[in-house]
Amino acid sequence: MFEQTFKNIDDILRKAGGSQTELDYVEQTSWILFLKYLDDLEKDKTAIAELSGKSYTPIVAKQYQWNSWAMPLNTAGKLDHNIALTGDDLNDFVNGKLFPYLKKFKADAESADTIEYKIGEIFSELRNKVQSGYSLREIIELISQLRFRTHAEKHEMSHLYEDKIKNMGNAGRNGGEYYTPRPLIKTIIKVVAPEIGQKIYDGAAGSAGFLCEAFEYLKQSKKLTTSDLVTLQKKTFYGKEKASLAYIIGTMNMILHGIEAPNIIHTNTLAENLADIQEKDRYDIVLANPPFGGKERAEVQQNFPIKSSETAYLFLEHFIKILKARGKAGIVIKNTFLSNSDNASVQLRKMLLDSCNLHTVLDLPGGTFTGAGVKTVVLFFEKGTATKKIWFYQLNLNRNLGKTNSLNENDLLEFVELQKTKATGDNSWTVSVRDVDETTFDLSAKNPNKKEDAVLRQPEEILDEMKALDEESTAILNSILELI
């Protein structure tokens, strides 16, 4: 039922005007979905308070509660069409009263780690794009059928929301900004193996996939105590995100996964000077897929000892700096980082090898990121001791990856198993840092154990890569134009 409801909502948005893309569909569904979630949360808290003989004061004032403006019910429990707002009246209320009221929550909240603050943040960043109040009425009535009361309902909803994010990522030019394949995220988390009590950070949070999956991993890692649950809710997951829409979607995604007030900050991570990072600011675990191909302005580069216009390189510097001693990381980065000969790449590889134990490199095939032909690797490292040996694993699949044939967890089972012992084989090998050229620090993932077969690529794969390269070139050109 939930899945069909989402499809129906997309159909309405498509016809209503104001929303043209998958990005718009997710954005507009998100704010209405959030208010329905909030209403169910308030009902749950009221019921819990009543069972313990206490009273509960709702977060939202009565006239702005779901049952007052969105779904006023008659005595039979059905929508009261006599008082339910629709058409221009509904849009005037939403745009002129509801959004301004909810936006003020940010200034009035006691702290940033409260749901009140998140309400204010969400409605400061979003606006209602549904131009027809009649279409908005239809969407509200569809969403009113959804429930967030039981664990099963929340679980199903979080999966459907993830699907929408995936579709949005596939449709957009920068799919990786919003969606990292979940099998890859789960595999990275298995290898990094965070524990309850450790602080986990993603400074390029996007849709918060790493934080959501880390939450799911830790929930299943042991039998949780009440203290553990509080720790997971309040003191474990931290993120930063620059893009407004990605910030909203990441916040919503974490809320739907069960984290009531996500510790995600809407900010440009790279605007933070590395020299200002103190011990109290550091984290035990970093999990991230920072955006690559972007170009940063000179003033942003001044925040970093190794200056580069490449966004991903600055993020990698940031992640190394913000890790605690003995902290662990799993970072996705473009595979050209391993071999680029420019000064910044060479310096950054040297810094990584000198300050961290880069123990594992996972070399991924093209097509891992649907819609982006760029090849990537995952760097696994621990901060505090220099690298002596690097274990490489090259993921070789007997099929081409694409939208209809995406990466799955079974594809990565051998990697996870072999990584435990760093065993060598057809797809894996070890490199001693003593054998790395000390002038270039080239770490190219060249498998010495596998004979390269002449495999003809499928036309779809070639076209995807050509499209990705065109889009990347356009993005770089636009970035250069912005700098002029």
Protein backbone atom coordinates (compact mmCIF):
# COMPACT_ATOMS: atom_id res chain seq x y z
CA MET A 1 0.00 0.00 0.00
CA PHE A 2 2.79 2.42 0.94
CA GLU A 3 4.57 1.91 -2.38
CA GLN A 4 1.42 2.58 -4.42
CA THR A 5 0.71 5.67 -2.33
CA PHE A 6 4.14 7.10 -3.21
CA LYS A 7 3.54 6.41 -6.91
CA ASN A 8 0.17 8.16 -6.75
CA ILE A 9 1.76 11.18 -5.05
CA ASP A 10 4.40 11.41 -7.77
CA ASP A 11 1.66 11.32 -10.41
CA ILE A 12 -0.15 14.21 -8.74
CA LEU A 13 3.05 16.26 -8.41
CA ARG A 14 3.86 15.62 -12.05
CA LYS A 15 0.53 17.10 -13.12
CA ALA A 16 0.22 19.85 -10.50
CA GLY A 17 2.97 22.16 -11.75
CA GLY A 18 5.92 23.47 -9.76
CA SER A 19 7.63 20.05 -9.55
CA GLN A 20 9.37 18.74 -12.65
CA THR A 21 12.04 16.28 -11.49
CA GLU A 22 12.64 13.39 -9.10
CA LEU A 23 14.44 15.92 -6.90
CA ASP A 24 11.28 18.00 -6.64
CA TYR A 25 9.11 14.95 -5.99
CA VAL A 26 11.25 13.86 -3.04
CA GLU A 27 11.49 17.40 -1.67
CA GLN A 28 7.75 18.04 -1.77
CA THR A 29 6.83 14.60 -0.48
CA SER A 30 9.34 15.05 2.37
CA TRP A 31 7.81 18.05 4.10
CA ILE A 32 4.28 16.64 4.07
CA LEU A 33 5.55 13.22 5.10
CA PHE A 34 7.51 14.80 7.95
CA LEU A 35 4.41 16.54 9.33
CA LYS A 36 2.47 13.26 9.27
CA TYR A 37 5.40 11.52 10.99
CA LEU A 38 5.46 14.30 13.60
CA ASP A 39 1.74 13.87 14.23
CA ASP A 40 2.15 10.13 14.83
CA LEU A 41 5.13 10.80 17.09
CA GLU A 42 3.06 13.23 19.17
CA LYS A 43 0.28 10.63 19.46
CA ASP A 44 2.75 8.00 20.65
CA LYS A 45 4.23 10.35 23.26
CA THR A 46 0.75 11.31 24.47
CA ALA A 47 -0.21 7.64 24.84
CA ILE A 48 3.01 6.81 26.72
CA ALA A 49 2.48 9.75 29.07
CA GLU A 50 -1.11 8.71 29.79
CA LEU A 51 -0.07 5.15 30.62
CA SER A 52 2.34 6.47 33.24
CA GLY A 53 -0.20 8.91 34.63
CA LYS A 54 1.58 11.96 33.26
CA SER A 55 0.59 14.68 30.83
CA TYR A 56 2.30 15.52 27.55
CA THR A 57 2.50 18.99 26.03
CA PRO A 58 2.54 18.77 22.22
CA ILE A 59 5.40 20.41 20.33
CA VAL A 60 3.05 21.92 17.75
CA ALA A 61 0.26 24.32 18.75
CA LYS A 62 -3.26 22.97 18.18
CA GLN A 63 -4.19 25.08 15.15
CA TYR A 64 -1.07 23.81 13.33
CA GLN A 65 -1.48 20.14 14.21
CA TRP A 66 -2.23 17.64 11.44
CA ASN A 67 -5.81 16.99 12.58
CA SER A 68 -6.57 20.72 12.65
CA TRP A 69 -5.47 21.88 9.20
CA ALA A 70 -4.63 18.78 7.13
CA MET A 71 -7.15 16.15 8.18
CA PRO A 72 -9.92 17.53 10.44
CA LEU A 73 -12.23 14.60 11.21
CA ASN A 74 -15.95 14.46 11.87
CA THR A 75 -17.61 12.40 14.58
CA ALA A 76 -17.53 9.35 12.30
CA GLY A 77 -13.74 9.60 12.02
CA LYS A 78 -13.88 10.68 8.37
CA LEU A 79 -12.48 13.84 6.77
CA ASP A 80 -14.80 16.74 7.54
CA HIS A 81 -15.16 18.37 4.11
CA ASN A 82 -17.07 21.28 5.63
CA ILE A 83 -13.99 22.61 7.43
CA ALA A 84 -11.08 20.98 5.58
CA LEU A 85 -9.06 23.57 3.68
CA THR A 86 -8.54 23.13 -0.04
CA GLY A 87 -7.71 25.15 -3.16
CA ASP A 88 -6.38 28.68 -2.59
CA ASP A 89 -7.43 28.61 1.08
CA LEU A 90 -5.16 25.60 1.71
CA ASN A 91 -2.20 27.09 -0.14
CA ASP A 92 -2.65 30.46 1.61
CA PHE A 93 -2.62 28.73 5.01
CA VAL A 94 0.41 26.55 4.21
CA ASN A 95 2.48 29.33 2.66
CA GLY A 96 1.35 32.25 4.81
CA LYS A 97 0.88 30.68 8.24
CA LEU A 98 2.09 27.08 8.60
CA PHE A 99 5.60 27.46 7.14
CA PRO A 100 6.37 30.77 8.95
CA TYR A 101 5.16 29.22 12.25
CA LEU A 102 7.27 26.08 11.89
CA LYS A 103 10.30 28.07 10.69
CA LYS A 104 10.39 29.93 14.04
CA PHE A 105 11.08 26.67 15.90
CA LYS A 106 14.76 26.97 14.97
CA ALA A 107 15.23 30.22 16.87
CA ASP A 108 13.11 29.09 19.82
CA ALA A 109 14.70 25.63 20.31
CA GLU A 110 16.85 25.03 23.40
CA SER A 111 19.63 23.37 21.38
CA ALA A 112 20.47 22.01 17.93
CA ASP A 113 20.04 18.37 19.02
CA THR A 114 16.29 18.68 19.60
CA ILE A 115 13.44 17.78 17.27
CA GLU A 116 12.16 21.35 17.66
CA TYR A 117 15.36 22.65 16.09
CA LYS A 118 15.09 20.14 13.25
CA ILE A 119 11.51 21.26 12.56
CA GLY A 120 12.73 24.85 12.28
CA GLU A 121 15.66 23.86 10.05
CA ILE A 122 13.50 21.84 7.66
CA PHE A 123 10.93 24.58 7.20
CA SER A 124 13.59 27.27 6.89
CA GLU A 125 15.08 25.42 3.91
CA LEU A 126 11.95 24.20 2.09
CA ARG A 127 9.06 25.89 0.42
CA ASN A 128 5.77 24.54 -0.87
CA LYS A 129 6.05 24.13 -4.64
CA VAL A 130 2.64 22.51 -5.18
CA GLN A 131 0.95 25.31 -7.08
CA SER A 132 -2.55 23.87 -6.94
CA GLY A 133 -4.21 23.74 -3.53
CA TYR A 134 -6.52 21.05 -4.89
CA SER A 135 -3.55 18.86 -5.78
CA LEU A 136 -2.06 19.54 -2.34
CA ARG A 137 -5.34 18.37 -0.78
CA GLU A 138 -5.11 15.10 -2.76
CA ILE A 139 -1.52 14.53 -1.61
CA ILE A 140 -2.39 15.22 2.03
CA GLU A 141 -5.25 12.72 1.92
CA LEU A 142 -2.92 10.07 0.46
CA ILE A 143 -0.24 10.69 3.07
CA SER A 144 -2.82 10.63 5.84
CA GLN A 145 -3.27 6.92 5.07
CA LEU A 146 0.35 6.25 6.03
CA ARG A 147 1.24 5.33 9.60
CA PHE A 148 4.45 5.59 11.57
CA ARG A 149 3.24 3.93 14.75
CA THR A 150 4.79 0.45 14.70
CA HIS A 151 8.37 -0.66 14.08
CA ALA A 152 7.25 -2.55 10.95
CA GLU A 153 5.54 0.54 9.53
CA LYS A 154 8.59 2.73 10.15
CA HIS A 155 10.87 0.07 8.66
CA GLU A 156 8.80 -0.17 5.47
CA MET A 157 8.60 3.60 5.18
CA SER A 158 12.36 4.03 5.55
CA HIS A 159 12.94 1.50 2.76
CA LEU A 160 10.50 3.26 0.45
CA TYR A 161 12.13 6.60 1.17
CA GLU A 162 15.52 5.07 0.36
CA ASP A 163 14.07 3.90 -2.97
CA LYS A 164 12.94 7.44 -3.74
CA ILE A 165 16.42 8.75 -2.93
CA LYS A 166 17.91 6.09 -5.20
CA ASN A 167 15.61 7.11 -8.06
CA MET A 168 16.46 10.74 -7.44
CA GLY A 169 20.18 9.97 -7.55
CA ASN A 170 19.81 8.00 -10.77
CA ALA A 171 17.87 10.82 -12.38
CA GLY A 172 20.19 13.63 -11.34
CA ARG A 173 23.50 14.65 -12.87
CA ASN A 174 25.34 14.08 -9.59
CA GLY A 175 23.72 10.84 -8.47
CA GLY A 176 26.48 10.08 -5.97
CA GLU A 177 25.67 13.32 -4.13
CA TYR A 178 22.43 11.76 -2.99
CA TYR A 179 22.87 8.03 -3.24
CA THR A 180 25.78 5.71 -2.53
CA PRO A 181 24.83 2.07 -3.26
CA ARG A 182 23.65 0.56 0.02
CA PRO A 183 25.46 -2.78 -0.52
CA LEU A 184 28.71 -0.82 -0.73
CA ILE A 185 27.90 1.22 2.39
CA LYS A 186 27.02 -1.92 4.36
CA THR A 187 30.26 -3.57 3.28
CA ILE A 188 32.34 -0.55 4.28
CA ILE A 189 30.68 -0.53 7.70
CA LYS A 190 31.34 -4.27 8.18
CA VAL A 191 35.04 -3.72 7.53
CA VAL A 192 35.35 -0.60 9.69
CA ALA A 193 33.25 -2.33 12.42
CA PRO A 194 32.15 0.58 14.62
CA GLU A 195 31.12 -0.08 18.22
CA ILE A 196 28.50 1.49 20.48
CA GLY A 197 30.07 4.39 22.32
CA GLN A 198 32.14 5.54 19.36
CA LYS A 199 31.30 8.80 17.59
CA ILE A 200 30.64 8.32 13.87
CA TYR A 201 31.00 11.18 11.39
CA ASP A 202 30.24 11.97 7.76
CA GLY A 203 31.23 15.49 6.72
CA ALA A 204 29.66 15.03 3.27
CA ALA A 205 26.45 13.44 4.53
CA GLY A 206 24.26 13.76 1.43
CA SER A 207 21.19 11.60 2.08
CA ALA A 208 22.87 10.25 5.27
CA GLY A 209 23.13 6.72 3.93
CA PHE A 210 26.32 5.97 5.88
CA LEU A 211 24.83 7.23 9.15
CA CYS A 212 21.54 5.37 8.65
CA GLU A 213 23.26 2.09 7.81
CA ALA A 214 25.70 2.49 10.72
CA PHE A 215 22.66 2.92 12.99
CA GLU A 216 21.12 -0.28 11.63
CA TYR A 217 24.44 -2.12 12.04
CA LEU A 218 24.89 -1.02 15.66
CA LYS A 219 21.27 -1.82 16.56
CA GLN A 220 21.95 -5.43 15.59
CA SER A 221 25.47 -5.63 17.04
CA LYS A 222 24.35 -6.63 20.55
CA LYS A 223 21.38 -6.69 22.91
CA LEU A 224 20.88 -3.00 23.59
CA THR A 225 20.47 -1.53 27.06
CA THR A 226 18.49 1.64 27.76
CA SER A 227 21.81 3.46 28.02
CA ASP A 228 22.86 2.10 24.62
CA LEU A 229 19.65 3.38 23.03
CA VAL A 230 20.21 6.87 24.45
CA THR A 231 23.80 6.80 23.22
CA LEU A 232 22.69 5.84 19.70
CA GLN A 233 20.04 8.54 19.64
CA LYS A 234 22.08 11.40 21.04
CA LYS A 235 25.84 10.77 21.05
CA THR A 236 26.81 8.60 18.09
CA PHE A 237 25.95 9.97 14.64
CA TYR A 238 27.19 13.32 13.36
CA GLY A 239 27.06 14.82 9.90
CA LYS A 240 27.51 18.00 7.88
CA GLU A 241 25.99 18.83 4.52
CA LYS A 242 26.31 21.92 2.34
CA ALA A 243 23.46 21.45 -0.17
CA SER A 244 20.04 22.48 1.15
CA LEU A 245 18.02 19.69 -0.46
CA ALA A 246 20.54 16.99 0.46
CA TYR A 247 20.54 18.30 4.05
CA ILE A 248 16.74 18.04 4.26
CA ILE A 249 16.67 14.58 2.70
CA GLY A 250 19.46 13.35 4.97
CA THR A 251 17.67 14.65 8.04
CA MET A 252 14.38 13.06 6.93
CA ASN A 253 16.12 9.79 6.11
CA MET A 254 17.63 9.54 9.58
CA ILE A 255 14.32 10.42 11.21
CA LEU A 256 12.52 7.71 9.22
CA HIS A 257 15.20 5.22 10.26
CA GLY A 258 14.44 6.01 13.88
CA ILE A 259 16.84 8.76 14.95
CA GLU A 260 14.51 11.37 16.36
CA ALA A 261 16.75 14.47 16.23
CA PRO A 262 19.67 13.83 13.85
CA ASN A 263 22.92 15.64 14.58
CA ILE A 264 23.32 16.89 11.00
CA ILE A 265 24.44 20.48 10.53
CA HIS A 266 23.68 22.48 7.40
CA THR A 267 27.10 23.95 6.65
CA ASN A 268 30.01 23.92 4.22
CA THR A 269 32.42 21.48 5.86
CA LEU A 270 35.33 22.76 3.81
CA ALA A 271 34.87 26.32 5.11
CA GLU A 272 36.27 25.09 8.44
CA ASN A 273 39.98 25.81 8.90
CA LEU A 274 41.84 22.61 9.72
CA ALA A 275 44.01 24.51 12.20
CA ASP A 276 40.91 25.20 14.31
CA ILE A 277 40.03 21.52 14.83
CA GLN A 278 40.70 20.55 18.46
CA GLU A 279 40.62 17.22 20.26
CA LYS A 280 37.01 17.77 21.38
CA ASP A 281 35.99 18.09 17.73
CA ARG A 282 37.37 14.70 16.69
CA TYR A 283 35.57 11.43 15.94
CA ASP A 284 36.29 7.73 16.36
CA ILE A 285 34.91 6.72 12.96
CA VAL A 286 34.65 8.50 9.60
CA LEU A 287 32.45 7.01 6.86
CA ALA A 288 31.97 9.06 3.72
CA ASN A 289 31.64 9.38 -0.04
CA PRO A 290 32.72 12.99 -0.59
CA PRO A 291 31.72 14.67 -3.87
CA PHE A 292 34.41 14.50 -6.55
CA GLY A 293 34.91 16.59 -9.64
CA GLY A 294 33.96 19.81 -7.88
CA LYS A 295 36.23 22.84 -7.80
CA GLU A 296 36.79 24.91 -4.66
CA ARG A 297 37.59 28.60 -4.57
CA ALA A 298 40.98 29.92 -3.45
CA GLU A 299 39.62 31.19 -0.11
CA VAL A 300 38.36 27.70 0.76
CA GLN A 301 41.69 26.15 -0.19
CA GLN A 302 43.40 28.46 2.32
CA ASN A 303 41.88 26.33 5.10
CA PHE A 304 44.10 23.39 4.13
CA PRO A 305 47.85 22.72 4.37
CA ILE A 306 47.75 20.87 1.03
CA LYS A 307 45.90 23.15 -1.35
CA SER A 308 43.82 21.67 -4.15
CA SER A 309 40.80 22.80 -6.11
CA GLU A 310 39.54 19.17 -6.10
CA THR A 311 36.74 18.91 -3.53
CA ALA A 312 37.35 15.25 -2.67
CA TYR A 313 41.02 15.88 -1.83
CA LEU A 314 40.12 18.65 0.62
CA PHE A 315 37.55 16.36 2.22
CA LEU A 316 40.17 13.64 2.61
CA GLU A 317 42.47 16.11 4.38
CA HIS A 318 39.58 17.13 6.60
CA PHE A 319 38.75 13.52 7.46
CA ILE A 320 42.34 12.67 8.38
CA LYS A 321 42.57 15.75 10.61
CA ILE A 322 39.22 15.20 12.34
CA LEU A 323 39.89 11.55 13.22
CA LYS A 324 40.98 10.74 16.76
CA ALA A 325 44.22 8.86 17.30
CA ARG A 326 43.51 5.19 16.44
CA GLY A 327 40.32 6.35 14.73
CA LYS A 328 39.15 4.34 11.72
CA ALA A 329 37.84 5.42 8.33
CA GLY A 330 36.23 4.06 5.17
CA ILE A 331 36.29 6.69 2.40
CA VAL A 332 35.12 6.43 -1.23
CA ILE A 333 37.28 8.39 -3.65
CA LYS A 334 37.97 8.51 -7.38
CA ASN A 335 40.55 5.88 -8.34
CA THR A 336 42.76 8.46 -10.06
CA PHE A 337 43.69 9.68 -6.57
CA LEU A 338 46.02 6.68 -6.34
CA SER A 339 48.15 7.72 -9.31
CA ASN A 340 47.62 11.40 -10.22
CA SER A 341 50.98 13.13 -10.58
CA ASP A 342 49.96 16.67 -9.62
CA ASN A 343 51.60 18.14 -6.54
CA ALA A 344 48.52 18.02 -4.31
CA SER A 345 47.83 14.33 -5.07
CA VAL A 346 51.45 13.35 -4.35
CA GLN A 347 51.55 15.33 -1.09
CA LEU A 348 48.20 13.98 0.03
CA ARG A 349 49.20 10.36 -0.60
CA LYS A 350 52.42 10.93 1.34
CA MET A 351 50.52 12.48 4.24
CA LEU A 352 48.05 9.59 4.28
CA LEU A 353 50.83 6.98 4.32
CA ASP A 354 52.86 8.83 6.96
CA SER A 355 50.06 9.68 9.40
CA CYS A 356 47.73 6.71 8.92
CA ASN A 357 47.84 2.98 8.37
CA LEU A 358 46.23 2.62 4.95
CA HIS A 359 45.65 -1.10 5.40
CA THR A 360 43.07 -1.82 2.67
CA VAL A 361 42.12 -0.47 -0.76
CA LEU A 362 38.98 -1.80 -2.46
CA ASP A 363 39.09 -1.21 -6.22
CA LEU A 364 35.55 -0.98 -7.61
CA PRO A 365 34.43 -1.57 -11.21
CA GLY A 366 32.95 1.14 -13.42
CA GLY A 367 29.19 1.36 -13.09
CA THR A 368 29.21 0.87 -9.31
CA PHE A 369 27.61 4.29 -9.06
CA THR A 370 24.60 4.05 -11.35
CA GLY A 371 24.59 6.82 -13.91
CA ALA A 372 28.25 7.67 -13.27
CA GLY A 373 30.92 5.86 -15.28
CA VAL A 374 33.70 7.16 -13.02
CA LYS A 375 35.77 4.43 -11.36
CA THR A 376 36.26 4.61 -7.60
CA VAL A 377 38.18 3.00 -4.77
CA VAL A 378 37.49 2.74 -1.05
CA LEU A 379 40.33 3.67 1.31
CA PHE A 380 40.30 1.96 4.71
CA PHE A 381 42.74 3.43 7.21
CA GLU A 382 43.50 3.96 10.90
CA LYS A 383 45.06 7.15 12.18
CA GLY A 384 48.22 7.28 14.25
CA THR A 385 50.71 4.83 12.78
CA ALA A 386 52.46 4.97 9.43
CA THR A 387 51.50 2.51 6.68
CA LYS A 388 53.78 -0.49 6.17
CA LYS A 389 51.69 -2.75 3.94
CA ILE A 390 48.58 -2.13 1.85
CA TRP A 391 46.22 -4.95 0.95
CA PHE A 392 44.44 -4.40 -2.37
CA TYR A 393 41.29 -6.13 -3.54
CA GLN A 394 40.01 -5.70 -7.10
CA LEU A 395 36.32 -6.40 -7.49
CA ASN A 396 36.03 -8.28 -10.78
CA LEU A 397 32.49 -9.23 -11.76
CA ASN A 398 31.31 -11.38 -14.65
CA ARG A 399 28.74 -8.78 -15.62
CA ASN A 400 28.51 -5.07 -16.35
CA LEU A 401 26.93 -2.94 -13.65
CA GLY A 402 24.10 -0.56 -14.52
CA LYS A 403 20.66 0.67 -13.50
CA THR A 404 19.05 -2.72 -14.07
CA ASN A 405 22.01 -4.74 -12.82
CA SER A 406 23.39 -2.96 -9.75
CA LEU A 407 25.95 -3.94 -7.16
CA ASN A 408 24.70 -6.32 -4.45
CA GLU A 409 26.10 -7.54 -1.14
CA ASN A 410 26.89 -11.00 -2.54
CA ASP A 411 29.28 -9.34 -4.98
CA LEU A 412 31.34 -8.18 -2.02
CA LEU A 413 31.25 -11.31 0.17
CA GLU A 414 34.69 -12.53 -0.93
CA PHE A 415 36.20 -9.11 -0.23
CA VAL A 416 34.78 -9.02 3.30
CA GLU A 417 36.00 -12.54 4.06
CA LEU A 418 39.51 -12.16 2.61
CA GLN A 419 39.97 -8.73 4.16
CA LYS A 420 39.97 -10.26 7.64
CA THR A 421 43.25 -12.07 6.95
CA LYS A 422 44.51 -9.96 4.02
CA ALA A 423 44.89 -13.16 1.99
CA THR A 424 46.28 -12.97 -1.53
CA GLY A 425 44.54 -14.51 -4.53
CA ASP A 426 43.41 -13.85 -8.08
CA ASN A 427 41.74 -10.60 -6.99
CA SER A 428 43.92 -9.56 -4.07
CA TRP A 429 47.55 -8.67 -3.43
CA THR A 430 49.75 -6.84 -0.94
CA VAL A 431 52.08 -3.91 -1.56
CA SER A 432 54.89 -2.98 0.81
CA VAL A 433 55.34 0.76 1.30
CA ARG A 434 59.09 0.15 1.00
CA ASP A 435 58.43 -0.64 -2.66
CA VAL A 436 56.45 2.54 -3.31
CA ASP A 437 58.26 5.25 -5.26
CA GLU A 438 59.19 7.97 -2.74
CA THR A 439 58.98 10.74 -5.31
CA THR A 440 55.51 9.99 -6.72
CA PHE A 441 53.97 7.79 -3.99
CA ASP A 442 52.04 6.14 -6.82
CA LEU A 443 49.60 3.59 -5.37
CA SER A 444 47.99 2.44 -8.62
CA ALA A 445 45.79 -0.63 -8.15
CA LYS A 446 47.54 -2.91 -10.64
CA ASN A 447 46.70 -6.54 -9.94
CA PRO A 448 49.86 -8.61 -10.48
CA ASN A 449 47.98 -11.92 -10.14
CA LYS A 450 45.34 -11.51 -12.82
CA LYS A 451 45.78 -11.80 -16.53
CA GLU A 452 43.89 -9.12 -18.35
CA ASP A 453 41.40 -10.61 -20.78
CA ALA A 454 40.27 -8.60 -23.76
CA VAL A 455 36.64 -8.07 -22.80
CA LEU A 456 34.45 -6.00 -25.10
CA ARG A 457 32.31 -3.60 -23.12
CA GLN A 458 28.58 -3.40 -23.65
CA PRO A 459 27.29 -0.37 -25.60
CA GLU A 460 25.22 0.71 -22.57
CA GLU A 461 28.37 0.83 -20.42
CA ILE A 462 30.27 2.87 -23.03
CA LEU A 463 27.38 5.33 -23.45
CA ASP A 464 27.03 5.70 -19.65
CA GLU A 465 30.73 6.48 -19.34
CA MET A 466 30.60 8.98 -22.23
CA LYS A 467 27.63 10.69 -20.62
CA ALA A 468 29.35 10.79 -17.23
CA LEU A 469 32.51 12.28 -18.73
CA ASP A 470 30.46 14.92 -20.59
CA GLU A 471 28.65 15.84 -17.38
CA GLU A 472 31.88 15.98 -15.42
CA SER A 473 33.44 18.23 -18.06
CA THR A 474 30.39 20.51 -17.91
CA ALA A 475 30.59 20.65 -14.12
CA ILE A 476 34.28 21.57 -14.23
CA LEU A 477 33.62 24.24 -16.88
CA ASN A 478 30.81 25.72 -14.79
CA SER A 479 33.07 25.74 -11.74
CA ILE A 480 35.79 27.56 -13.70
CA LEU A 481 33.25 30.11 -14.94
CA GLU A 482 32.15 30.72 -11.34
CA LEU A 483 35.75 31.44 -10.38
CA ILE A 484 36.18 34.02 -13.14
